[in-house]
Amino acid sequence: MPPSALFESRCYTQCSEHGRCMNGACHCNEGYGGADCSVVLSQPPSVLWIKGDRHHGMCDARNEDCQLVSLIGDNLLNSNALSCHYAITELVNGNWSETTVDNLHQTETIFMSFREVHCQLSEPIVTIAHSEEKGTTFATVMVYVSNDMGTTLSNGMVLTTYDSRCILCNGNGMCRMKKNTCQINGHCYSSGQYHPSDYTMQCVPGTSQDSWTVEDDTPIDLVIGLSVGAMILVVALVIGVAWFCKNPRNIK
């Protein structure tokens, strides 16, 4: 085999039979792209699943980084036009609400390989840290990939994000609120947990799971101090009475 023919045969997958190998690189036929000419430019990518330990597209925002979504798929083109898009959806009558271009958010996209792309969501979907602003303890995000900056989109992949402090989800994607917790203004709190800036308000699930329970505004330190002081006074009186009873001659 001539040296030039040997060098030309070193292209990956023989350019998928959609191009010509020249100097170790594929030169794709019209309508095809990618390093191996396997990408059909007239077709959008196809997303197969979300990579990682997220079973059935579930992500616990309290213990995982749910902003980084790794998608495994086909027909991914390594170019500046590769882009990730997402939209927050909701379940209506058993069906996911329709996603329109108007409510899509384009986000940072990193091409990893012809089978994998990383989508970095621009902001946390579920709110973990306490805030006076209304938060979210459970949300479903539909993630898409595009080879042409969003003109045509892949099939959507559902990512369910939740806060495990007050939300319990199973492997089938069904979630419910935990019994012994509170969900107040879109934030999760454990039973007995106080409002971070007001210790007169506490999460008491037996009273309410969706609002703070207001306690007596007497500071707890003062209550403890008064109780200890009263006990000391009683003990002192008992000791004093006992001493006088044993030493009656000292009483004039």
C-alpha atoms as a PDB file:
ATOM      1  CA  MET A   1       0.000   0.000   0.000  1.00  0.00           C
ATOM      2  CA  PRO A   2       1.464   3.410  -0.938  1.00  0.00           C
ATOM      3  CA  PRO A   3       2.320   5.692   2.022  1.00  0.00           C
ATOM      4  CA  SER A   4      -0.309   8.271   0.970  1.00  0.00           C
ATOM      5  CA  ALA A   5      -3.036   5.623   0.917  1.00  0.00           C
ATOM      6  CA  LEU A   6      -1.932   4.347   4.334  1.00  0.00           C
ATOM      7  CA  PHE A   7      -2.128   7.862   5.790  1.00  0.00           C
ATOM      8  CA  GLU A   8      -5.507   8.487   4.253  1.00  0.00           C
ATOM      9  CA  SER A   9      -6.878   5.325   5.896  1.00  0.00           C
ATOM     10  CA  ARG A  10      -6.232   6.658   9.415  1.00  0.00           C
ATOM     11  CA  CYS A  11      -9.464   8.638   9.698  1.00  0.00           C
ATOM     12  CA  TYR A  12     -11.818   7.606  12.492  1.00  0.00           C
ATOM     13  CA  THR A  13     -14.620   5.267  11.303  1.00  0.00           C
ATOM     14  CA  GLN A  14     -13.541   5.891   7.720  1.00  0.00           C
ATOM     15  CA  CYS A  15     -15.505   9.161   7.777  1.00  0.00           C
ATOM     16  CA  SER A  16     -18.726   7.166   8.283  1.00  0.00           C
ATOM     17  CA  GLU A  17     -18.780   6.654   4.523  1.00  0.00           C
ATOM     18  CA  HIS A  18     -19.985  10.250   4.184  1.00  0.00           C
ATOM     19  CA  GLY A  19     -16.687  11.894   3.318  1.00  0.00           C
ATOM     20  CA  ARG A  20     -13.115  11.489   2.203  1.00  0.00           C
ATOM     21  CA  CYS A  21     -10.098  11.009   4.438  1.00  0.00           C
ATOM     22  CA  MET A  22      -7.298  13.400   3.479  1.00  0.00           C
ATOM     23  CA  ASN A  23      -4.112  13.854   5.506  1.00  0.00           C
ATOM     24  CA  GLY A  24      -5.695  12.107   8.456  1.00  0.00           C
ATOM     25  CA  ALA A  25      -8.806  14.337   8.557  1.00  0.00           C
ATOM     26  CA  CYS A  26     -12.287  13.830   7.167  1.00  0.00           C
ATOM     27  CA  HIS A  27     -13.629  16.136   4.487  1.00  0.00           C
ATOM     28  CA  CYS A  28     -17.378  15.573   4.669  1.00  0.00           C
ATOM     29  CA  ASN A  29     -19.787  15.374   1.822  1.00  0.00           C
ATOM     30  CA  GLU A  30     -22.426  18.080   1.554  1.00  0.00           C
ATOM     31  CA  GLY A  31     -25.086  17.700   4.244  1.00  0.00           C
ATOM     32  CA  TYR A  32     -22.774  15.981   6.747  1.00  0.00           C
ATOM     33  CA  GLY A  33     -20.494  17.281   9.484  1.00  0.00           C
ATOM     34  CA  GLY A  34     -18.462  16.358  12.525  1.00  0.00           C
ATOM     35  CA  ALA A  35     -14.953  14.979  12.851  1.00  0.00           C
ATOM     36  CA  ASP A  36     -16.115  11.645  11.406  1.00  0.00           C
ATOM     37  CA  CYS A  37     -18.872  13.003   9.117  1.00  0.00           C
ATOM     38  CA  SER A  38     -21.477  11.154  11.167  1.00  0.00           C
ATOM     39  CA  VAL A  39     -23.629  14.236  11.882  1.00  0.00           C
ATOM     40  CA  VAL A  40     -26.550  14.775   9.540  1.00  0.00           C
ATOM     41  CA  LEU A  41     -26.759  18.564   9.350  1.00  0.00           C
ATOM     42  CA  SER A  42     -30.418  18.576   8.332  1.00  0.00           C
ATOM     43  CA  GLN A  43     -31.435  16.680  11.472  1.00  0.00           C
ATOM     44  CA  PRO A  44     -31.377  17.864  15.106  1.00  0.00           C
ATOM     45  CA  PRO A  45     -29.486  15.952  17.807  1.00  0.00           C
ATOM     46  CA  SER A  46     -31.117  13.009  19.563  1.00  0.00           C
ATOM     47  CA  VAL A  47     -30.795  12.885  23.357  1.00  0.00           C
ATOM     48  CA  LEU A  48     -30.795   9.389  24.867  1.00  0.00           C
ATOM     49  CA  TRP A  49     -30.348   9.905  28.611  1.00  0.00           C
ATOM     50  CA  ILE A  50     -28.844  12.039  31.377  1.00  0.00           C
ATOM     51  CA  LYS A  51     -25.435  10.804  32.470  1.00  0.00           C
ATOM     52  CA  GLY A  52     -24.536  10.255  36.132  1.00  0.00           C
ATOM     53  CA  ASP A  53     -26.090   8.892  39.302  1.00  0.00           C
ATOM     54  CA  ARG A  54     -29.452  10.533  38.665  1.00  0.00           C
ATOM     55  CA  HIS A  55     -31.902   7.661  38.461  1.00  0.00           C
ATOM     56  CA  HIS A  56     -34.703   8.363  36.023  1.00  0.00           C
ATOM     57  CA  GLY A  57     -33.639  11.997  35.673  1.00  0.00           C
ATOM     58  CA  MET A  58     -33.923  12.806  39.394  1.00  0.00           C
ATOM     59  CA  CYS A  59     -31.507  15.232  41.058  1.00  0.00           C
ATOM     60  CA  ASP A  60     -31.409  16.122  44.761  1.00  0.00           C
ATOM     61  CA  ALA A  61     -30.353  19.766  44.823  1.00  0.00           C
ATOM     62  CA  ARG A  62     -29.355  19.544  48.500  1.00  0.00           C
ATOM     63  CA  ASN A  63     -26.688  16.908  47.812  1.00  0.00           C
ATOM     64  CA  GLU A  64     -25.896  17.233  44.092  1.00  0.00           C
ATOM     65  CA  ASP A  65     -24.915  19.852  41.549  1.00  0.00           C
ATOM     66  CA  CYS A  66     -28.122  20.005  39.535  1.00  0.00           C
ATOM     67  CA  GLN A  67     -26.957  22.936  37.430  1.00  0.00           C
ATOM     68  CA  LEU A  68     -24.528  20.766  35.451  1.00  0.00           C
ATOM     69  CA  VAL A  69     -26.478  18.424  33.175  1.00  0.00           C
ATOM     70  CA  SER A  70     -24.527  15.872  31.156  1.00  0.00           C
ATOM     71  CA  LEU A  71     -26.489  14.572  28.165  1.00  0.00           C
ATOM     72  CA  ILE A  72     -25.696  11.453  26.149  1.00  0.00           C
ATOM     73  CA  GLY A  73     -26.964  11.476  22.584  1.00  0.00           C
ATOM     74  CA  ASP A  74     -26.375  11.159  18.852  1.00  0.00           C
ATOM     75  CA  ASN A  75     -25.840  13.590  16.004  1.00  0.00           C
ATOM     76  CA  LEU A  76     -23.953  16.122  18.160  1.00  0.00           C
ATOM     77  CA  LEU A  77     -21.969  18.639  16.131  1.00  0.00           C
ATOM     78  CA  ASN A  78     -18.791  20.146  17.558  1.00  0.00           C
ATOM     79  CA  SER A  79     -19.208  23.739  16.412  1.00  0.00           C
ATOM     80  CA  ASN A  80     -19.920  27.234  17.710  1.00  0.00           C
ATOM     81  CA  ALA A  81     -23.583  26.653  16.813  1.00  0.00           C
ATOM     82  CA  LEU A  82     -23.941  23.801  19.335  1.00  0.00           C
ATOM     83  CA  SER A  83     -26.161  25.059  22.150  1.00  0.00           C
ATOM     84  CA  CYS A  84     -28.148  23.864  25.168  1.00  0.00           C
ATOM     85  CA  HIS A  85     -31.615  25.169  25.987  1.00  0.00           C
ATOM     86  CA  TYR A  86     -33.929  24.526  28.912  1.00  0.00           C
ATOM     87  CA  ALA A  87     -37.366  25.430  30.183  1.00  0.00           C
ATOM     88  CA  ILE A  88     -39.088  24.910  33.521  1.00  0.00           C
ATOM     89  CA  THR A  89     -42.256  22.884  32.987  1.00  0.00           C
ATOM     90  CA  GLU A  90     -45.052  21.488  35.144  1.00  0.00           C
ATOM     91  CA  LEU A  91     -47.216  18.391  35.155  1.00  0.00           C
ATOM     92  CA  VAL A  92     -50.764  19.209  34.026  1.00  0.00           C
ATOM     93  CA  ASN A  93     -53.383  16.425  33.969  1.00  0.00           C
ATOM     94  CA  GLY A  94     -50.667  13.795  33.736  1.00  0.00           C
ATOM     95  CA  ASN A  95     -48.835  15.497  30.839  1.00  0.00           C
ATOM     96  CA  TRP A  96     -45.842  17.838  30.789  1.00  0.00           C
ATOM     97  CA  SER A  97     -46.764  21.374  29.847  1.00  0.00           C
ATOM     98  CA  GLU A  98     -45.793  22.316  26.309  1.00  0.00           C
ATOM     99  CA  THR A  99     -42.472  24.102  25.894  1.00  0.00           C
ATOM    100  CA  THR A 100     -42.390  27.055  23.518  1.00  0.00           C
ATOM    101  CA  VAL A 101     -39.428  28.950  22.112  1.00  0.00           C
ATOM    102  CA  ASP A 102     -40.526  32.027  24.065  1.00  0.00           C
ATOM    103  CA  ASN A 103     -39.780  30.462  27.459  1.00  0.00           C
ATOM    104  CA  LEU A 104     -36.561  28.673  26.507  1.00  0.00           C
ATOM    105  CA  HIS A 105     -33.308  29.722  28.172  1.00  0.00           C
ATOM    106  CA  GLN A 106     -30.045  29.270  26.291  1.00  0.00           C
ATOM    107  CA  THR A 107     -27.200  28.260  28.550  1.00  0.00           C
ATOM    108  CA  GLU A 108     -23.484  27.463  28.510  1.00  0.00           C
ATOM    109  CA  THR A 109     -22.657  24.445  26.357  1.00  0.00           C
ATOM    110  CA  ILE A 110     -19.515  22.294  26.399  1.00  0.00           C
ATOM    111  CA  PHE A 111     -18.894  19.664  23.717  1.00  0.00           C
ATOM    112  CA  MET A 112     -17.291  16.623  25.385  1.00  0.00           C
ATOM    113  CA  SER A 113     -17.398  14.058  22.584  1.00  0.00           C
ATOM    114  CA  PHE A 114     -19.513  13.012  19.619  1.00  0.00           C
ATOM    115  CA  ARG A 115     -21.735  11.272  22.203  1.00  0.00           C
ATOM    116  CA  GLU A 116     -21.760  13.700  25.140  1.00  0.00           C
ATOM    117  CA  VAL A 117     -22.454  17.366  25.809  1.00  0.00           C
ATOM    118  CA  HIS A 118     -22.495  19.314  29.092  1.00  0.00           C
ATOM    119  CA  CYS A 119     -25.214  21.893  29.706  1.00  0.00           C
ATOM    120  CA  GLN A 120     -24.558  24.360  32.530  1.00  0.00           C
ATOM    121  CA  LEU A 121     -27.873  25.805  33.700  1.00  0.00           C
ATOM    122  CA  SER A 122     -27.528  29.518  34.305  1.00  0.00           C
ATOM    123  CA  GLU A 123     -29.095  29.508  37.781  1.00  0.00           C
ATOM    124  CA  PRO A 124     -30.210  27.067  40.495  1.00  0.00           C
ATOM    125  CA  ILE A 125     -33.743  25.828  39.823  1.00  0.00           C
ATOM    126  CA  VAL A 126     -34.426  24.680  43.395  1.00  0.00           C
ATOM    127  CA  THR A 127     -33.661  27.090  46.239  1.00  0.00           C
ATOM    128  CA  ILE A 128     -31.596  25.581  49.074  1.00  0.00           C
ATOM    129  CA  ALA A 129     -30.376  28.609  51.026  1.00  0.00           C
ATOM    130  CA  HIS A 130     -32.887  30.549  53.121  1.00  0.00           C
ATOM    131  CA  SER A 131     -34.239  33.707  51.567  1.00  0.00           C
ATOM    132  CA  GLU A 132     -37.138  36.034  52.210  1.00  0.00           C
ATOM    133  CA  GLU A 133     -37.866  35.782  48.484  1.00  0.00           C
ATOM    134  CA  LYS A 134     -40.200  33.010  47.332  1.00  0.00           C
ATOM    135  CA  GLY A 135     -38.253  29.884  46.445  1.00  0.00           C
ATOM    136  CA  THR A 136     -38.844  26.486  44.867  1.00  0.00           C
ATOM    137  CA  THR A 137     -38.540  23.088  46.527  1.00  0.00           C
ATOM    138  CA  PHE A 138     -39.485  21.000  43.477  1.00  0.00           C
ATOM    139  CA  ALA A 139     -39.242  21.695  39.750  1.00  0.00           C
ATOM    140  CA  THR A 140     -39.088  19.856  36.448  1.00  0.00           C
ATOM    141  CA  VAL A 141     -36.749  21.101  33.759  1.00  0.00           C
ATOM    142  CA  MET A 142     -36.880  20.116  30.092  1.00  0.00           C
ATOM    143  CA  VAL A 143     -33.386  20.195  28.517  1.00  0.00           C
ATOM    144  CA  TYR A 144     -32.698  20.333  24.769  1.00  0.00           C
ATOM    145  CA  VAL A 145     -29.638  20.412  22.496  1.00  0.00           C
ATOM    146  CA  SER A 146     -29.360  22.172  19.158  1.00  0.00           C
ATOM    147  CA  ASN A 147     -26.770  22.146  16.369  1.00  0.00           C
ATOM    148  CA  ASP A 148     -27.933  25.511  15.004  1.00  0.00           C
ATOM    149  CA  MET A 149     -28.294  27.805  18.051  1.00  0.00           C
ATOM    150  CA  GLY A 150     -31.873  26.763  18.759  1.00  0.00           C
ATOM    151  CA  THR A 151     -33.475  26.882  15.340  1.00  0.00           C
ATOM    152  CA  THR A 152     -34.116  23.137  15.546  1.00  0.00           C
ATOM    153  CA  LEU A 153     -34.108  21.297  18.868  1.00  0.00           C
ATOM    154  CA  SER A 154     -33.488  17.739  19.982  1.00  0.00           C
ATOM    155  CA  ASN A 155     -36.083  15.761  21.861  1.00  0.00           C
ATOM    156  CA  GLY A 156     -36.497  17.096  25.405  1.00  0.00           C
ATOM    157  CA  MET A 157     -34.970  15.300  28.370  1.00  0.00           C
ATOM    158  CA  VAL A 158     -36.802  15.651  31.698  1.00  0.00           C
ATOM    159  CA  LEU A 159     -34.729  16.544  34.765  1.00  0.00           C
ATOM    160  CA  THR A 160     -36.610  16.639  38.075  1.00  0.00           C
ATOM    161  CA  THR A 161     -34.845  18.657  40.776  1.00  0.00           C
ATOM    162  CA  TYR A 162     -35.960  18.682  44.407  1.00  0.00           C
ATOM    163  CA  ASP A 163     -34.871  19.471  47.963  1.00  0.00           C
ATOM    164  CA  SER A 164     -34.679  16.204  49.913  1.00  0.00           C
ATOM    165  CA  ARG A 165     -35.057  18.016  53.239  1.00  0.00           C
ATOM    166  CA  CYS A 166     -38.814  18.197  52.727  1.00  0.00           C
ATOM    167  CA  ILE A 167     -39.467  16.402  49.394  1.00  0.00           C
ATOM    168  CA  LEU A 168     -39.355  12.616  48.949  1.00  0.00           C
ATOM    169  CA  CYS A 169     -39.063  11.210  45.410  1.00  0.00           C
ATOM    170  CA  ASN A 170     -39.037   7.605  44.234  1.00  0.00           C
ATOM    171  CA  GLY A 171     -37.399   5.993  41.214  1.00  0.00           C
ATOM    172  CA  ASN A 172     -40.528   6.434  39.113  1.00  0.00           C
ATOM    173  CA  GLY A 173     -40.336  10.208  39.259  1.00  0.00           C
ATOM    174  CA  MET A 174     -43.180  10.565  41.756  1.00  0.00           C
ATOM    175  CA  CYS A 175     -42.547  13.065  44.547  1.00  0.00           C
ATOM    176  CA  ARG A 176     -44.402  14.078  47.692  1.00  0.00           C
ATOM    177  CA  MET A 177     -43.836  16.228  50.737  1.00  0.00           C
ATOM    178  CA  LYS A 178     -42.314  14.563  53.804  1.00  0.00           C
ATOM    179  CA  LYS A 179     -44.598  14.439  56.833  1.00  0.00           C
ATOM    180  CA  ASN A 180     -42.341  15.749  59.582  1.00  0.00           C
ATOM    181  CA  THR A 181     -41.136  18.854  57.709  1.00  0.00           C
ATOM    182  CA  CYS A 182     -42.274  22.306  56.628  1.00  0.00           C
ATOM    183  CA  GLN A 183     -42.400  23.927  53.204  1.00  0.00           C
ATOM    184  CA  ILE A 184     -42.667  27.661  53.828  1.00  0.00           C
ATOM    185  CA  ASN A 185     -42.550  30.260  51.053  1.00  0.00           C
ATOM    186  CA  GLY A 186     -40.891  27.735  48.741  1.00  0.00           C
ATOM    187  CA  HIS A 187     -38.163  26.672  51.208  1.00  0.00           C
ATOM    188  CA  CYS A 188     -37.667  23.420  53.142  1.00  0.00           C
ATOM    189  CA  TYR A 189     -37.276  23.330  56.931  1.00  0.00           C
ATOM    190  CA  SER A 190     -36.844  20.458  59.378  1.00  0.00           C
ATOM    191  CA  SER A 191     -39.158  19.956  62.322  1.00  0.00           C
ATOM    192  CA  GLY A 192     -38.106  22.247  65.177  1.00  0.00           C
ATOM    193  CA  GLN A 193     -35.997  24.469  62.929  1.00  0.00           C
ATOM    194  CA  TYR A 194     -36.222  28.189  63.715  1.00  0.00           C
ATOM    195  CA  HIS A 195     -36.523  31.045  61.279  1.00  0.00           C
ATOM    196  CA  PRO A 196     -32.877  32.081  60.619  1.00  0.00           C
ATOM    197  CA  SER A 197     -33.472  35.687  61.698  1.00  0.00           C
ATOM    198  CA  ASP A 198     -36.427  35.401  64.099  1.00  0.00           C
ATOM    199  CA  TYR A 199     -36.254  32.844  66.894  1.00  0.00           C
ATOM    200  CA  THR A 200     -39.876  33.381  67.841  1.00  0.00           C
ATOM    201  CA  MET A 201     -40.909  31.522  64.663  1.00  0.00           C
ATOM    202  CA  GLN A 202     -40.425  27.793  64.339  1.00  0.00           C
ATOM    203  CA  CYS A 203     -41.279  24.913  62.004  1.00  0.00           C
ATOM    204  CA  VAL A 204     -43.865  22.850  63.884  1.00  0.00           C
ATOM    205  CA  PRO A 205     -45.369  20.356  61.376  1.00  0.00           C
ATOM    206  CA  GLY A 206     -48.040  19.271  63.848  1.00  0.00           C
ATOM    207  CA  THR A 207     -49.406  22.819  63.810  1.00  0.00           C
ATOM    208  CA  SER A 208     -48.687  23.862  60.222  1.00  0.00           C
ATOM    209  CA  GLN A 209     -46.502  22.596  57.384  1.00  0.00           C
ATOM    210  CA  ASP A 210     -46.782  25.686  55.226  1.00  0.00           C
ATOM    211  CA  SER A 211     -46.340  28.550  57.700  1.00  0.00           C
ATOM    212  CA  TRP A 212     -44.234  29.476  60.713  1.00  0.00           C
ATOM    213  CA  THR A 213     -45.571  28.732  64.174  1.00  0.00           C
ATOM    214  CA  VAL A 214     -45.139  31.801  66.389  1.00  0.00           C
ATOM    215  CA  GLU A 215     -43.878  31.058  69.888  1.00  0.00           C
ATOM    216  CA  ASP A 216     -43.925  33.105  73.075  1.00  0.00           C
ATOM    217  CA  ASP A 217     -41.651  36.073  72.414  1.00  0.00           C
ATOM    218  CA  THR A 218     -39.943  35.672  75.817  1.00  0.00           C
ATOM    219  CA  PRO A 219     -36.300  34.855  75.085  1.00  0.00           C
ATOM    220  CA  ILE A 220     -35.528  31.229  75.860  1.00  0.00           C
ATOM    221  CA  ASP A 221     -32.404  32.207  77.825  1.00  0.00           C
ATOM    222  CA  LEU A 222     -34.521  34.378  80.102  1.00  0.00           C
ATOM    223  CA  VAL A 223     -37.013  31.569  80.673  1.00  0.00           C
ATOM    224  CA  ILE A 224     -34.231  29.153  81.605  1.00  0.00           C
ATOM    225  CA  GLY A 225     -32.603  31.729  83.863  1.00  0.00           C
ATOM    226  CA  LEU A 226     -35.833  32.442  85.754  1.00  0.00           C
ATOM    227  CA  SER A 227     -36.529  28.731  86.173  1.00  0.00           C
ATOM    228  CA  VAL A 228     -33.048  28.020  87.561  1.00  0.00           C
ATOM    229  CA  GLY A 229     -33.264  31.031  89.862  1.00  0.00           C
ATOM    230  CA  ALA A 230     -36.622  29.888  91.247  1.00  0.00           C
ATOM    231  CA  MET A 231     -35.265  26.402  91.936  1.00  0.00           C
ATOM    232  CA  ILE A 232     -32.256  27.822  93.792  1.00  0.00           C
ATOM    233  CA  LEU A 233     -34.549  30.038  95.920  1.00  0.00           C
ATOM    234  CA  VAL A 234     -36.754  27.069  96.857  1.00  0.00           C
ATOM    235  CA  VAL A 235     -33.744  24.952  97.822  1.00  0.00           C
ATOM    236  CA  ALA A 236     -32.360  27.801  99.929  1.00  0.00           C
ATOM    237  CA  LEU A 237     -35.682  28.199 101.762  1.00  0.00           C
ATOM    238  CA  VAL A 238     -35.904  24.465 102.469  1.00  0.00           C
ATOM    239  CA  ILE A 239     -32.347  24.405 103.823  1.00  0.00           C
ATOM    240  CA  GLY A 240     -33.044  27.476 105.957  1.00  0.00           C
ATOM    241  CA  VAL A 241     -36.220  26.003 107.486  1.00  0.00           C
ATOM    242  CA  ALA A 242     -34.448  22.742 108.234  1.00  0.00           C
ATOM    243  CA  TRP A 243     -31.570  24.542 109.941  1.00  0.00           C
ATOM    244  CA  PHE A 244     -33.910  26.577 112.166  1.00  0.00           C
ATOM    245  CA  CYS A 245     -35.819  23.453 113.131  1.00  0.00           C
ATOM    246  CA  LYS A 246     -32.625  21.718 114.235  1.00  0.00           C
ATOM    247  CA  ASN A 247     -31.337  24.765 116.125  1.00  0.00           C
ATOM    248  CA  PRO A 248     -34.374  26.275 117.961  1.00  0.00           C
ATOM    249  CA  ARG A 249     -32.168  27.711 120.755  1.00  0.00           C
ATOM    250  CA  ASN A 250     -30.646  30.156 118.298  1.00  0.00           C
ATOM    251  CA  ILE A 251     -34.048  31.749 117.735  1.00  0.00           C
ATOM    252  CA  LYS A 252     -34.678  34.581 120.267  1.00  0.00           C
END
